[in-house]
Amino acid sequence: MSFEIKGLQELSDKLKNLGEQAKQLDGNHEVPISELLTPTFLSNCSRFTTVEELFAASGFKIESTEDFKAIPEDQWDAFIKSNTFFGNWKEMIAEAAKT
């Protein structure tokens, strides 16, 4: 990023603007699971190519966020471990977030 500064007020304004933009990036952000677990990612770590295929194969009814949250963590982790290259869901999501 480059910009030309002509005076102290302009510098102050630019710094304030950069600070406000940094605040927007701070904290937690939600990303839809379908954007995180892309077809490329899934096909590289499992036999699935879509999140829908993954969910359908799990045997759990997953039609909403609430449905997903209701799945016992140990059962979901066991499904992920036996159907992907990951030991559990947290490992899988952490790796997906890197890509």
C-alpha atoms as a PDB file:
ATOM      1  CA  MET A   1       0.000   0.000   0.000  1.00  0.00           C
ATOM      2  CA  SER A   2       1.357   3.443  -0.825  1.00  0.00           C
ATOM      3  CA  PHE A   3      -0.029   6.915  -0.474  1.00  0.00           C
ATOM      4  CA  GLU A   4       1.274  10.457  -0.534  1.00  0.00           C
ATOM      5  CA  ILE A   5       0.935  12.623   2.571  1.00  0.00           C
ATOM      6  CA  LYS A   6       0.967  16.405   2.255  1.00  0.00           C
ATOM      7  CA  GLY A   7       0.435  17.502   5.857  1.00  0.00           C
ATOM      8  CA  LEU A   8      -0.032  16.504   9.475  1.00  0.00           C
ATOM      9  CA  GLN A   9      -3.829  16.584   9.277  1.00  0.00           C
ATOM     10  CA  GLU A  10      -3.791  14.263   6.298  1.00  0.00           C
ATOM     11  CA  LEU A  11      -1.407  11.939   8.179  1.00  0.00           C
ATOM     12  CA  SER A  12      -3.717  11.989  11.182  1.00  0.00           C
ATOM     13  CA  ASP A  13      -6.733  11.204   8.999  1.00  0.00           C
ATOM     14  CA  LYS A  14      -4.915   8.334   7.260  1.00  0.00           C
ATOM     15  CA  LEU A  15      -3.820   6.832  10.599  1.00  0.00           C
ATOM     16  CA  LYS A  16      -7.334   7.122  12.002  1.00  0.00           C
ATOM     17  CA  ASN A  17      -8.736   5.404   8.915  1.00  0.00           C
ATOM     18  CA  LEU A  18      -6.154   2.591   9.170  1.00  0.00           C
ATOM     19  CA  GLY A  19      -7.026   2.147  12.852  1.00  0.00           C
ATOM     20  CA  GLU A  20     -10.732   1.852  12.062  1.00  0.00           C
ATOM     21  CA  GLN A  21     -10.027  -0.722   9.346  1.00  0.00           C
ATOM     22  CA  ALA A  22      -7.863  -2.735  11.751  1.00  0.00           C
ATOM     23  CA  LYS A  23     -10.689  -2.803  14.318  1.00  0.00           C
ATOM     24  CA  GLN A  24     -13.013  -4.303  11.704  1.00  0.00           C
ATOM     25  CA  LEU A  25     -10.548  -7.162  11.178  1.00  0.00           C
ATOM     26  CA  ASP A  26     -10.154  -7.882  14.897  1.00  0.00           C
ATOM     27  CA  GLY A  27     -12.222 -10.499  16.710  1.00  0.00           C
ATOM     28  CA  ASN A  28     -14.157 -13.513  15.532  1.00  0.00           C
ATOM     29  CA  HIS A  29     -15.754 -13.755  12.135  1.00  0.00           C
ATOM     30  CA  GLU A  30     -18.230 -16.313  10.902  1.00  0.00           C
ATOM     31  CA  VAL A  31     -17.622 -18.099   7.656  1.00  0.00           C
ATOM     32  CA  PRO A  32     -20.272 -20.369   6.146  1.00  0.00           C
ATOM     33  CA  ILE A  33     -19.147 -23.991   6.386  1.00  0.00           C
ATOM     34  CA  SER A  34     -19.702 -24.423   2.649  1.00  0.00           C
ATOM     35  CA  GLU A  35     -17.122 -21.686   1.987  1.00  0.00           C
ATOM     36  CA  LEU A  36     -14.642 -23.222   4.411  1.00  0.00           C
ATOM     37  CA  LEU A  37     -15.014 -26.824   3.256  1.00  0.00           C
ATOM     38  CA  THR A  38     -14.639 -26.294  -0.459  1.00  0.00           C
ATOM     39  CA  PRO A  39     -14.997 -29.113  -2.988  1.00  0.00           C
ATOM     40  CA  THR A  40     -11.229 -29.058  -3.538  1.00  0.00           C
ATOM     41  CA  PHE A  41     -10.482 -29.279   0.172  1.00  0.00           C
ATOM     42  CA  LEU A  42     -13.002 -32.063   0.752  1.00  0.00           C
ATOM     43  CA  SER A  43     -11.887 -34.125  -2.222  1.00  0.00           C
ATOM     44  CA  ASN A  44      -8.268 -33.865  -1.041  1.00  0.00           C
ATOM     45  CA  CYS A  45      -9.023 -35.174   2.458  1.00  0.00           C
ATOM     46  CA  SER A  46     -12.049 -37.432   2.007  1.00  0.00           C
ATOM     47  CA  ARG A  47     -14.246 -39.275  -0.479  1.00  0.00           C
ATOM     48  CA  PHE A  48     -16.684 -36.330  -0.466  1.00  0.00           C
ATOM     49  CA  THR A  49     -16.811 -33.351  -2.803  1.00  0.00           C
ATOM     50  CA  THR A  50     -19.492 -31.283  -1.084  1.00  0.00           C
ATOM     51  CA  VAL A  51     -20.499 -30.460   2.467  1.00  0.00           C
ATOM     52  CA  GLU A  52     -23.926 -31.855   1.674  1.00  0.00           C
ATOM     53  CA  GLU A  53     -22.391 -35.247   0.796  1.00  0.00           C
ATOM     54  CA  LEU A  54     -20.380 -35.212   4.015  1.00  0.00           C
ATOM     55  CA  PHE A  55     -23.436 -34.408   6.109  1.00  0.00           C
ATOM     56  CA  ALA A  56     -25.638 -36.976   4.330  1.00  0.00           C
ATOM     57  CA  ALA A  57     -23.090 -39.748   4.869  1.00  0.00           C
ATOM     58  CA  SER A  58     -22.844 -38.960   8.570  1.00  0.00           C
ATOM     59  CA  GLY A  59     -26.257 -40.413   9.337  1.00  0.00           C
ATOM     60  CA  PHE A  60     -27.170 -37.339  11.356  1.00  0.00           C
ATOM     61  CA  LYS A  61     -30.034 -35.030  10.412  1.00  0.00           C
ATOM     62  CA  ILE A  62     -28.253 -31.778   9.584  1.00  0.00           C
ATOM     63  CA  GLU A  63     -30.599 -29.213   8.110  1.00  0.00           C
ATOM     64  CA  SER A  64     -29.723 -26.244  10.305  1.00  0.00           C
ATOM     65  CA  THR A  65     -27.043 -24.880  12.597  1.00  0.00           C
ATOM     66  CA  GLU A  66     -29.091 -26.109  15.537  1.00  0.00           C
ATOM     67  CA  ASP A  67     -29.137 -29.643  14.120  1.00  0.00           C
ATOM     68  CA  PHE A  68     -25.369 -29.566  13.759  1.00  0.00           C
ATOM     69  CA  LYS A  69     -24.822 -28.232  17.282  1.00  0.00           C
ATOM     70  CA  ALA A  70     -27.028 -31.014  18.679  1.00  0.00           C
ATOM     71  CA  ILE A  71     -24.712 -33.777  17.415  1.00  0.00           C
ATOM     72  CA  PRO A  72     -22.645 -35.271  20.252  1.00  0.00           C
ATOM     73  CA  GLU A  73     -19.073 -34.083  19.709  1.00  0.00           C
ATOM     74  CA  ASP A  74     -17.529 -37.512  20.281  1.00  0.00           C
ATOM     75  CA  GLN A  75     -19.806 -39.103  17.665  1.00  0.00           C
ATOM     76  CA  TRP A  76     -19.087 -36.382  15.108  1.00  0.00           C
ATOM     77  CA  ASP A  77     -15.341 -36.670  15.769  1.00  0.00           C
ATOM     78  CA  ALA A  78     -15.554 -40.450  15.273  1.00  0.00           C
ATOM     79  CA  PHE A  79     -17.307 -39.906  11.930  1.00  0.00           C
ATOM     80  CA  ILE A  80     -14.679 -37.368  10.818  1.00  0.00           C
ATOM     81  CA  LYS A  81     -11.830 -39.644  11.920  1.00  0.00           C
ATOM     82  CA  SER A  82     -13.194 -42.629  10.012  1.00  0.00           C
ATOM     83  CA  ASN A  83     -14.127 -40.681   6.848  1.00  0.00           C
ATOM     84  CA  THR A  84     -11.349 -38.104   6.432  1.00  0.00           C
ATOM     85  CA  PHE A  85      -7.607 -37.795   6.941  1.00  0.00           C
ATOM     86  CA  PHE A  86      -8.212 -35.888  10.185  1.00  0.00           C
ATOM     87  CA  GLY A  87      -8.348 -37.119  13.756  1.00  0.00           C
ATOM     88  CA  ASN A  88     -11.302 -34.910  14.660  1.00  0.00           C
ATOM     89  CA  TRP A  89     -13.510 -32.021  13.553  1.00  0.00           C
ATOM     90  CA  LYS A  90     -11.352 -29.287  15.088  1.00  0.00           C
ATOM     91  CA  GLU A  91      -8.298 -30.488  13.181  1.00  0.00           C
ATOM     92  CA  MET A  92     -10.285 -30.546   9.956  1.00  0.00           C
ATOM     93  CA  ILE A  93     -11.691 -27.048  10.399  1.00  0.00           C
ATOM     94  CA  ALA A  94      -8.307 -25.662  11.452  1.00  0.00           C
ATOM     95  CA  GLU A  95      -6.705 -27.046   8.291  1.00  0.00           C
ATOM     96  CA  ALA A  96      -9.555 -25.792   6.096  1.00  0.00           C
ATOM     97  CA  ALA A  97      -9.158 -22.308   7.559  1.00  0.00           C
ATOM     98  CA  LYS A  98      -5.520 -22.247   6.422  1.00  0.00           C
ATOM     99  CA  THR A  99      -6.435 -22.723   2.775  1.00  0.00           C
END
